[in-house]
């Protein structure tokens, strides 16, 4: 899962982090990148970039659609400006 967004409300974003921060592990996920000060080499990236690794796409989808993350996601949407980018994709074959 790859995420990218800009924060407009830090207090609301903290609610998101409090609600979602440890959820990925419940679905076999591991946060591998979380950077709140992204710098672009090309184009105009959003300021926050994150990557959560799951063993498979099904686990990523279970996490994203879980009741817990669905509730937390509302805080992220309220805390960010513009459109957040969230991509669920398979990686390279192991």
Protein backbone atom coordinates (compact mmCIF):
# COMPACT_ATOMS: atom_id res chain seq x y z
CA UNK A 1 0.00 0.00 0.00
CA UNK A 2 1.42 3.36 -1.05
CA UNK A 3 0.02 6.61 0.35
CA UNK A 4 0.67 10.27 -0.40
CA UNK A 5 -1.04 13.46 0.81
CA UNK A 6 -0.63 16.96 2.28
CA UNK A 7 -1.76 17.71 5.84
CA UNK A 8 -3.98 20.73 6.47
CA UNK A 9 -5.06 20.00 10.07
CA UNK A 10 -2.33 18.62 12.33
CA UNK A 11 -4.66 17.97 15.29
CA UNK A 12 -7.03 15.92 13.12
CA UNK A 13 -4.07 14.11 11.58
CA UNK A 14 -2.92 13.14 15.08
CA UNK A 15 -6.34 11.54 15.63
CA UNK A 16 -5.73 9.53 12.46
CA UNK A 17 -2.28 8.46 13.65
CA UNK A 18 -3.68 7.49 17.06
CA UNK A 19 -6.45 5.42 15.44
CA UNK A 20 -4.50 3.88 12.55
CA UNK A 21 -0.88 3.86 13.66
CA UNK A 22 -0.74 0.25 14.86
CA UNK A 23 -3.56 -1.32 12.80
CA UNK A 24 -1.47 -2.61 9.88
CA UNK A 25 0.24 -5.20 12.10
CA UNK A 26 -3.19 -6.73 12.82
CA UNK A 27 -3.38 -7.55 9.09
CA UNK A 28 0.22 -8.79 8.70
CA UNK A 29 1.35 -5.34 7.52
CA UNK A 30 4.60 -3.55 8.25
CA UNK A 31 5.20 0.18 7.74
CA UNK A 32 8.38 0.36 5.66
CA UNK A 33 8.34 4.09 4.80
CA UNK A 34 6.69 7.04 6.50
CA UNK A 35 8.13 10.46 5.70
CA UNK A 36 6.43 13.77 6.49
CA UNK A 37 9.05 15.91 4.71
CA UNK A 38 9.17 14.54 1.17
CA UNK A 39 11.37 16.32 -1.35
CA UNK A 40 10.79 15.78 -5.05
CA UNK A 41 13.37 15.21 -7.73
CA UNK A 42 10.77 15.54 -10.52
CA UNK A 43 7.24 16.84 -10.42
CA UNK A 44 5.50 18.13 -7.30
CA UNK A 45 5.06 15.41 -4.70
CA UNK A 46 2.77 15.73 -1.72
CA UNK A 47 4.55 16.34 1.59
CA UNK A 48 3.73 12.96 3.19
CA UNK A 49 4.70 9.61 1.68
CA UNK A 50 4.17 6.20 3.22
CA UNK A 51 4.47 2.58 2.28
CA UNK A 52 3.02 -0.40 4.14
CA UNK A 53 4.12 -3.88 3.09
CA UNK A 54 1.69 -6.77 3.32
CA UNK A 55 2.40 -10.43 2.42
CA UNK A 56 -0.24 -10.25 -0.31
CA UNK A 57 -2.86 -8.02 -1.88
CA UNK A 58 -5.67 -9.77 -0.01
CA UNK A 59 -4.19 -8.76 3.37
CA UNK A 60 -3.80 -5.16 2.15
CA UNK A 61 -7.44 -5.09 1.05
CA UNK A 62 -8.62 -6.63 4.34
CA UNK A 63 -6.71 -3.90 6.21
CA UNK A 64 -7.98 -1.04 4.02
CA UNK A 65 -11.61 -2.23 4.20
CA UNK A 66 -11.54 -3.24 7.89
CA UNK A 67 -14.00 -1.50 10.20
CA UNK A 68 -11.09 -0.14 12.26
CA UNK A 69 -9.29 1.45 9.32
CA UNK A 70 -12.53 2.66 7.76
CA UNK A 71 -13.17 4.61 10.98
CA UNK A 72 -9.58 5.93 11.12
CA UNK A 73 -9.59 6.85 7.42
CA UNK A 74 -12.27 9.49 8.11
CA UNK A 75 -9.73 11.38 10.25
CA UNK A 76 -7.11 11.22 7.47
CA UNK A 77 -9.55 12.50 4.88
CA UNK A 78 -10.59 15.37 7.17
CA UNK A 79 -6.95 16.17 8.01
CA UNK A 80 -5.58 16.33 4.47
CA UNK A 81 -6.04 18.83 1.67
CA UNK A 82 -6.77 17.95 -1.89
CA UNK A 83 -6.95 14.31 -2.83
CA UNK A 84 -5.02 11.69 -0.96
CA UNK A 85 -3.43 9.03 -3.10
CA UNK A 86 -3.75 5.46 -1.82
CA UNK A 87 -2.60 2.60 -4.02
CA UNK A 88 -2.99 -1.09 -3.26
CA UNK A 89 -0.72 -3.08 -5.56
CA UNK A 90 1.31 -6.24 -5.73
CA UNK A 91 5.06 -5.93 -5.68
CA UNK A 92 7.73 -7.95 -7.45
CA UNK A 93 7.41 -11.74 -7.30
CA UNK A 94 9.47 -13.27 -4.52
